[in-house]
Amino acid sequence: MDYHDIITIEPGKRSGKLCIRGMRITVYDILEYLASGMTQEEILEDFSELTSEDIKACLAFAADREKRLFVVSV
């Protein structure tokens, strides 16, 4: 999934954190909700401005970031 059109960064919004489509909802917020056990449906009910594509974009971003992470052994 290409999340680049969904995940945005604006310096004056949420201290420059990664947000969803210019809203004040951050990628971290969505990932934290999912990690705490909320379902996609519950998130969409609580935040009617979000779409399932927004949540998928957050997951794709996290997967991409994880893929780029590497460990250096000492």
N, C-alpha and C. Protein backbone atom coordinates (compact mmCIF):
# COMPACT_ATOMS: atom_id res chain seq x y z
N MET A 1 0.85 -1.18 0.00
CA MET A 1 0.00 0.00 0.00
C MET A 1 0.88 1.23 0.00
N ASP A 2 0.51 2.22 -0.79
CA ASP A 2 1.23 3.49 -0.82
C ASP A 2 0.56 4.44 0.16
N TYR A 3 1.19 4.64 1.28
CA TYR A 3 0.63 5.47 2.35
C TYR A 3 1.05 6.92 2.26
N HIS A 4 1.86 7.27 1.29
CA HIS A 4 2.43 8.61 1.21
C HIS A 4 1.40 9.73 1.01
N ASP A 5 0.27 9.44 0.42
CA ASP A 5 -0.78 10.45 0.26
C ASP A 5 -1.68 10.54 1.48
N ILE A 6 -1.60 9.57 2.37
CA ILE A 6 -2.46 9.53 3.55
C ILE A 6 -1.74 10.06 4.78
N ILE A 7 -0.49 9.70 4.94
CA ILE A 7 0.28 10.13 6.11
C ILE A 7 1.01 11.42 5.77
N THR A 8 0.77 12.44 6.58
CA THR A 8 1.32 13.77 6.32
C THR A 8 2.10 14.28 7.52
N ILE A 9 2.98 15.24 7.25
CA ILE A 9 3.72 15.91 8.31
C ILE A 9 3.57 17.41 8.09
N GLU A 10 3.09 18.10 9.13
CA GLU A 10 2.99 19.55 9.10
C GLU A 10 3.66 20.08 10.36
N PRO A 11 4.71 20.88 10.21
CA PRO A 11 5.47 21.34 11.37
C PRO A 11 4.63 21.95 12.50
N GLY A 12 3.60 22.69 12.19
CA GLY A 12 2.80 23.34 13.22
C GLY A 12 1.68 22.49 13.80
N LYS A 13 1.53 21.30 13.31
CA LYS A 13 0.43 20.43 13.75
C LYS A 13 0.98 19.26 14.53
N ARG A 14 0.49 19.11 15.77
CA ARG A 14 0.89 18.01 16.65
C ARG A 14 2.42 17.90 16.74
N SER A 15 3.07 19.03 16.81
CA SER A 15 4.53 19.12 16.95
C SER A 15 5.28 18.40 15.83
N GLY A 16 4.72 18.39 14.64
CA GLY A 16 5.38 17.78 13.50
C GLY A 16 5.30 16.27 13.44
N LYS A 17 4.41 15.69 14.25
CA LYS A 17 4.26 14.23 14.23
C LYS A 17 3.53 13.80 12.96
N LEU A 18 3.69 12.54 12.61
CA LEU A 18 3.01 11.99 11.44
C LEU A 18 1.51 11.94 11.70
N CYS A 19 0.76 12.60 10.84
CA CYS A 19 -0.70 12.67 10.99
C CYS A 19 -1.39 12.00 9.81
N ILE A 20 -2.68 11.81 9.95
CA ILE A 20 -3.47 11.19 8.89
C ILE A 20 -4.23 12.27 8.13
N ARG A 21 -3.92 12.37 6.85
CA ARG A 21 -4.57 13.31 5.92
C ARG A 21 -4.70 14.73 6.48
N GLY A 22 -3.68 15.20 7.15
CA GLY A 22 -3.68 16.57 7.66
C GLY A 22 -4.54 16.79 8.89
N MET A 23 -5.15 15.74 9.40
CA MET A 23 -5.96 15.86 10.62
C MET A 23 -5.03 15.88 11.83
N ARG A 24 -5.59 16.03 12.99
CA ARG A 24 -4.80 16.04 14.22
C ARG A 24 -4.66 14.64 14.83
N ILE A 25 -5.08 13.63 14.11
CA ILE A 25 -4.95 12.24 14.56
C ILE A 25 -3.62 11.72 14.03
N THR A 26 -2.77 11.24 14.94
CA THR A 26 -1.44 10.79 14.51
C THR A 26 -1.42 9.28 14.22
N VAL A 27 -0.41 8.90 13.48
CA VAL A 27 -0.17 7.48 13.22
C VAL A 27 0.03 6.77 14.55
N TYR A 28 0.78 7.40 15.44
CA TYR A 28 1.01 6.82 16.77
C TYR A 28 -0.30 6.57 17.50
N ASP A 29 -1.24 7.53 17.42
CA ASP A 29 -2.54 7.36 18.08
C ASP A 29 -3.22 6.08 17.60
N ILE A 30 -3.27 5.91 16.29
CA ILE A 30 -3.95 4.74 15.72
C ILE A 30 -3.25 3.45 16.11
N LEU A 31 -1.92 3.44 16.02
CA LEU A 31 -1.18 2.23 16.40
C LEU A 31 -1.36 1.92 17.88
N GLU A 32 -1.41 2.95 18.70
CA GLU A 32 -1.61 2.76 20.14
C GLU A 32 -3.01 2.19 20.42
N TYR A 33 -4.02 2.68 19.71
CA TYR A 33 -5.38 2.15 19.89
C TYR A 33 -5.42 0.67 19.51
N LEU A 34 -4.81 0.33 18.38
CA LEU A 34 -4.79 -1.07 17.95
C LEU A 34 -4.03 -1.94 18.95
N ALA A 35 -2.90 -1.44 19.43
CA ALA A 35 -2.10 -2.21 20.39
C ALA A 35 -2.83 -2.40 21.71
N SER A 36 -3.71 -1.47 22.06
CA SER A 36 -4.44 -1.60 23.32
C SER A 36 -5.64 -2.53 23.21
N GLY A 37 -5.90 -3.02 21.98
CA GLY A 37 -6.98 -3.98 21.81
C GLY A 37 -8.21 -3.47 21.08
N MET A 38 -8.22 -2.18 20.73
CA MET A 38 -9.36 -1.67 19.97
C MET A 38 -9.38 -2.32 18.59
N THR A 39 -10.56 -2.59 18.09
CA THR A 39 -10.68 -3.12 16.74
C THR A 39 -10.75 -1.96 15.76
N GLN A 40 -10.54 -2.28 14.51
CA GLN A 40 -10.66 -1.26 13.46
C GLN A 40 -12.05 -0.66 13.49
N GLU A 41 -13.05 -1.48 13.68
CA GLU A 41 -14.43 -1.00 13.70
C GLU A 41 -14.66 -0.02 14.86
N GLU A 42 -14.09 -0.32 16.03
CA GLU A 42 -14.24 0.58 17.18
C GLU A 42 -13.57 1.92 16.92
N ILE A 43 -12.40 1.89 16.29
CA ILE A 43 -11.70 3.14 15.97
C ILE A 43 -12.53 3.96 14.99
N LEU A 44 -13.06 3.30 13.98
CA LEU A 44 -13.87 4.01 12.98
C LEU A 44 -15.15 4.57 13.58
N GLU A 45 -15.71 3.89 14.56
CA GLU A 45 -16.90 4.41 15.25
C GLU A 45 -16.56 5.65 16.07
N ASP A 46 -15.41 5.62 16.75
CA ASP A 46 -15.00 6.74 17.59
C ASP A 46 -14.53 7.95 16.79
N PHE A 47 -13.97 7.70 15.61
CA PHE A 47 -13.43 8.78 14.76
C PHE A 47 -14.06 8.66 13.38
N SER A 48 -15.22 9.25 13.22
CA SER A 48 -15.99 9.09 11.98
C SER A 48 -15.27 9.66 10.76
N GLU A 49 -14.30 10.56 10.98
CA GLU A 49 -13.57 11.14 9.84
C GLU A 49 -12.51 10.19 9.27
N LEU A 50 -12.20 9.12 9.99
CA LEU A 50 -11.22 8.14 9.52
C LEU A 50 -11.87 7.11 8.60
N THR A 51 -11.05 6.51 7.77
CA THR A 51 -11.50 5.42 6.90
C THR A 51 -10.65 4.18 7.18
N SER A 52 -11.10 3.05 6.69
CA SER A 52 -10.31 1.84 6.87
C SER A 52 -8.97 1.96 6.14
N GLU A 53 -8.94 2.70 5.05
CA GLU A 53 -7.69 2.94 4.32
C GLU A 53 -6.70 3.70 5.18
N ASP A 54 -7.18 4.63 6.00
CA ASP A 54 -6.30 5.37 6.91
C ASP A 54 -5.62 4.41 7.89
N ILE A 55 -6.38 3.49 8.44
CA ILE A 55 -5.83 2.54 9.40
C ILE A 55 -4.84 1.60 8.71
N LYS A 56 -5.18 1.15 7.51
CA LYS A 56 -4.26 0.31 6.74
C LYS A 56 -2.97 1.06 6.43
N ALA A 57 -3.07 2.35 6.15
CA ALA A 57 -1.89 3.16 5.87
C ALA A 57 -0.98 3.23 7.09
N CYS A 58 -1.56 3.34 8.28
CA CYS A 58 -0.76 3.36 9.51
C CYS A 58 -0.02 2.05 9.70
N LEU A 59 -0.71 0.95 9.45
CA LEU A 59 -0.08 -0.36 9.57
C LEU A 59 1.00 -0.56 8.52
N ALA A 60 0.75 -0.10 7.30
CA ALA A 60 1.74 -0.21 6.23
C ALA A 60 2.97 0.63 6.57
N PHE A 61 2.75 1.82 7.10
CA PHE A 61 3.87 2.67 7.51
C PHE A 61 4.70 1.98 8.58
N ALA A 62 4.04 1.42 9.60
CA ALA A 62 4.74 0.74 10.68
C ALA A 62 5.53 -0.46 10.15
N ALA A 63 4.94 -1.22 9.24
CA ALA A 63 5.62 -2.37 8.66
C ALA A 63 6.83 -1.93 7.85
N ASP A 64 6.68 -0.86 7.10
CA ASP A 64 7.77 -0.34 6.29
C ASP A 64 8.90 0.15 7.18
N ARG A 65 8.55 0.83 8.24
CA ARG A 65 9.56 1.35 9.17
C ARG A 65 10.30 0.19 9.85
N GLU A 66 9.57 -0.83 10.23
CA GLU A 66 10.18 -2.00 10.86
C GLU A 66 11.14 -2.69 9.89
N LYS A 67 10.74 -2.76 8.63
CA LYS A 67 11.57 -3.40 7.63
C LYS A 67 12.90 -2.65 7.46
N ARG A 68 12.88 -1.35 7.61
CA ARG A 68 14.09 -0.54 7.44
C ARG A 68 14.96 -0.49 8.69
N LEU A 69 14.42 -0.93 9.81
CA LEU A 69 15.17 -0.93 11.06
C LEU A 69 16.19 -2.05 11.04
N PHE A 70 17.36 -1.78 11.51
CA PHE A 70 18.37 -2.83 11.59
C PHE A 70 19.14 -2.71 12.89
N VAL A 71 19.73 -3.81 13.27
CA VAL A 71 20.45 -3.86 14.54
C VAL A 71 21.94 -4.02 14.25
N VAL A 72 22.72 -3.23 14.92
CA VAL A 72 24.17 -3.33 14.78
C VAL A 72 24.70 -4.04 16.01
N SER A 73 25.38 -5.17 15.82
CA SER A 73 25.95 -5.87 16.97
C SER A 73 27.34 -5.31 17.27
N VAL A 74 27.61 -5.28 18.56
CA VAL A 74 28.90 -4.73 18.99
C VAL A 74 29.80 -5.86 19.42
